[in-house]
Amino acid sequence: METFFGFLGGVGMQEILVIGLFVLIFFGAKKIPDFMKGLGKGVKEFKEGVKEVKQDIESTP
């Protein structure tokens, strides 16, 4: 698990569980799938934007 959550730094499994519990209480079980879907779309659009900028930089003479 340490390699998977390596980007979180010093956050341990207990902290992640507390954050997850807070999100579950705050958003409710029915809204979490919609929230994650929106988050996934946002990440996908961000990656596409970065890819386009990278292509523009590489194609500039």
C-alpha atoms as a PDB file:
ATOM      1  CA  MET A   1       0.000   0.000   0.000  1.00  0.00           C
ATOM      2  CA  GLU A   2       2.908   2.344   0.634  1.00  0.00           C
ATOM      3  CA  THR A   3       3.800   2.595  -3.058  1.00  0.00           C
ATOM      4  CA  PHE A   4       0.184   3.212  -4.076  1.00  0.00           C
ATOM      5  CA  PHE A   5      -0.325   5.993  -1.531  1.00  0.00           C
ATOM      6  CA  GLY A   6       3.206   7.315  -1.874  1.00  0.00           C
ATOM      7  CA  PHE A   7       1.968  10.582  -3.348  1.00  0.00           C
ATOM      8  CA  LEU A   8       0.173  11.359  -0.087  1.00  0.00           C
ATOM      9  CA  GLY A   9       3.386  11.696   1.916  1.00  0.00           C
ATOM     10  CA  GLY A  10       2.992  10.998   5.623  1.00  0.00           C
ATOM     11  CA  VAL A  11      -0.718  10.190   5.483  1.00  0.00           C
ATOM     12  CA  GLY A  12      -1.340   6.724   6.895  1.00  0.00           C
ATOM     13  CA  MET A  13      -4.139   4.246   6.470  1.00  0.00           C
ATOM     14  CA  GLN A  14      -6.012   5.522   9.543  1.00  0.00           C
ATOM     15  CA  GLU A  15      -6.079   9.056   8.162  1.00  0.00           C
ATOM     16  CA  ILE A  16      -7.341   7.811   4.803  1.00  0.00           C
ATOM     17  CA  LEU A  17     -10.143   5.892   6.527  1.00  0.00           C
ATOM     18  CA  VAL A  18     -11.152   8.973   8.528  1.00  0.00           C
ATOM     19  CA  ILE A  19     -11.197  11.089   5.353  1.00  0.00           C
ATOM     20  CA  GLY A  20     -13.258   8.414   3.584  1.00  0.00           C
ATOM     21  CA  LEU A  21     -15.716   8.273   6.459  1.00  0.00           C
ATOM     22  CA  PHE A  22     -16.027  12.064   6.457  1.00  0.00           C
ATOM     23  CA  VAL A  23     -16.703  12.067   2.694  1.00  0.00           C
ATOM     24  CA  LEU A  24     -19.311   9.332   3.127  1.00  0.00           C
ATOM     25  CA  ILE A  25     -21.090  11.290   5.856  1.00  0.00           C
ATOM     26  CA  PHE A  26     -20.765  14.655   4.116  1.00  0.00           C
ATOM     27  CA  PHE A  27     -21.843  13.628   0.605  1.00  0.00           C
ATOM     28  CA  GLY A  28     -23.938  10.556   1.350  1.00  0.00           C
ATOM     29  CA  ALA A  29     -23.664   7.148  -0.275  1.00  0.00           C
ATOM     30  CA  LYS A  30     -25.837   8.057  -3.265  1.00  0.00           C
ATOM     31  CA  LYS A  31     -23.814  11.094  -4.340  1.00  0.00           C
ATOM     32  CA  ILE A  32     -20.354   9.527  -4.190  1.00  0.00           C
ATOM     33  CA  PRO A  33     -20.603   7.752  -7.598  1.00  0.00           C
ATOM     34  CA  ASP A  34     -21.676  11.010  -9.265  1.00  0.00           C
ATOM     35  CA  PHE A  35     -18.863  12.859  -7.506  1.00  0.00           C
ATOM     36  CA  MET A  36     -16.279  10.282  -8.619  1.00  0.00           C
ATOM     37  CA  LYS A  37     -17.616  10.336 -12.186  1.00  0.00           C
ATOM     38  CA  GLY A  38     -17.224  14.113 -12.306  1.00  0.00           C
ATOM     39  CA  LEU A  39     -13.756  13.872 -10.807  1.00  0.00           C
ATOM     40  CA  GLY A  40     -12.757  11.292 -13.423  1.00  0.00           C
ATOM     41  CA  LYS A  41     -14.032  13.487 -16.250  1.00  0.00           C
ATOM     42  CA  GLY A  42     -12.086  16.422 -14.854  1.00  0.00           C
ATOM     43  CA  VAL A  43      -8.865  14.411 -14.676  1.00  0.00           C
ATOM     44  CA  LYS A  44      -9.404  13.132 -18.225  1.00  0.00           C
ATOM     45  CA  GLU A  45      -9.925  16.660 -19.570  1.00  0.00           C
ATOM     46  CA  PHE A  46      -6.841  17.867 -17.704  1.00  0.00           C
ATOM     47  CA  LYS A  47      -4.705  15.087 -19.211  1.00  0.00           C
ATOM     48  CA  GLU A  48      -6.026  15.873 -22.702  1.00  0.00           C
ATOM     49  CA  GLY A  49      -5.202  19.559 -22.192  1.00  0.00           C
ATOM     50  CA  VAL A  50      -1.673  18.754 -21.051  1.00  0.00           C
ATOM     51  CA  LYS A  51      -1.231  16.458 -24.053  1.00  0.00           C
ATOM     52  CA  GLU A  52      -2.377  19.206 -26.447  1.00  0.00           C
ATOM     53  CA  VAL A  53      -0.008  21.746 -24.894  1.00  0.00           C
ATOM     54  CA  LYS A  54       2.859  19.262 -25.103  1.00  0.00           C
ATOM     55  CA  GLN A  55       2.095  18.633 -28.793  1.00  0.00           C
ATOM     56  CA  ASP A  56       1.965  22.388 -29.463  1.00  0.00           C
ATOM     57  CA  ILE A  57       5.338  22.878 -27.787  1.00  0.00           C
ATOM     58  CA  GLU A  58       6.915  19.996 -29.684  1.00  0.00           C
ATOM     59  CA  SER A  59       5.541  21.161 -33.055  1.00  0.00           C
ATOM     60  CA  THR A  60       6.783  24.751 -32.593  1.00  0.00           C
ATOM     61  CA  PRO A  61       9.930  25.272 -34.717  1.00  0.00           C
END
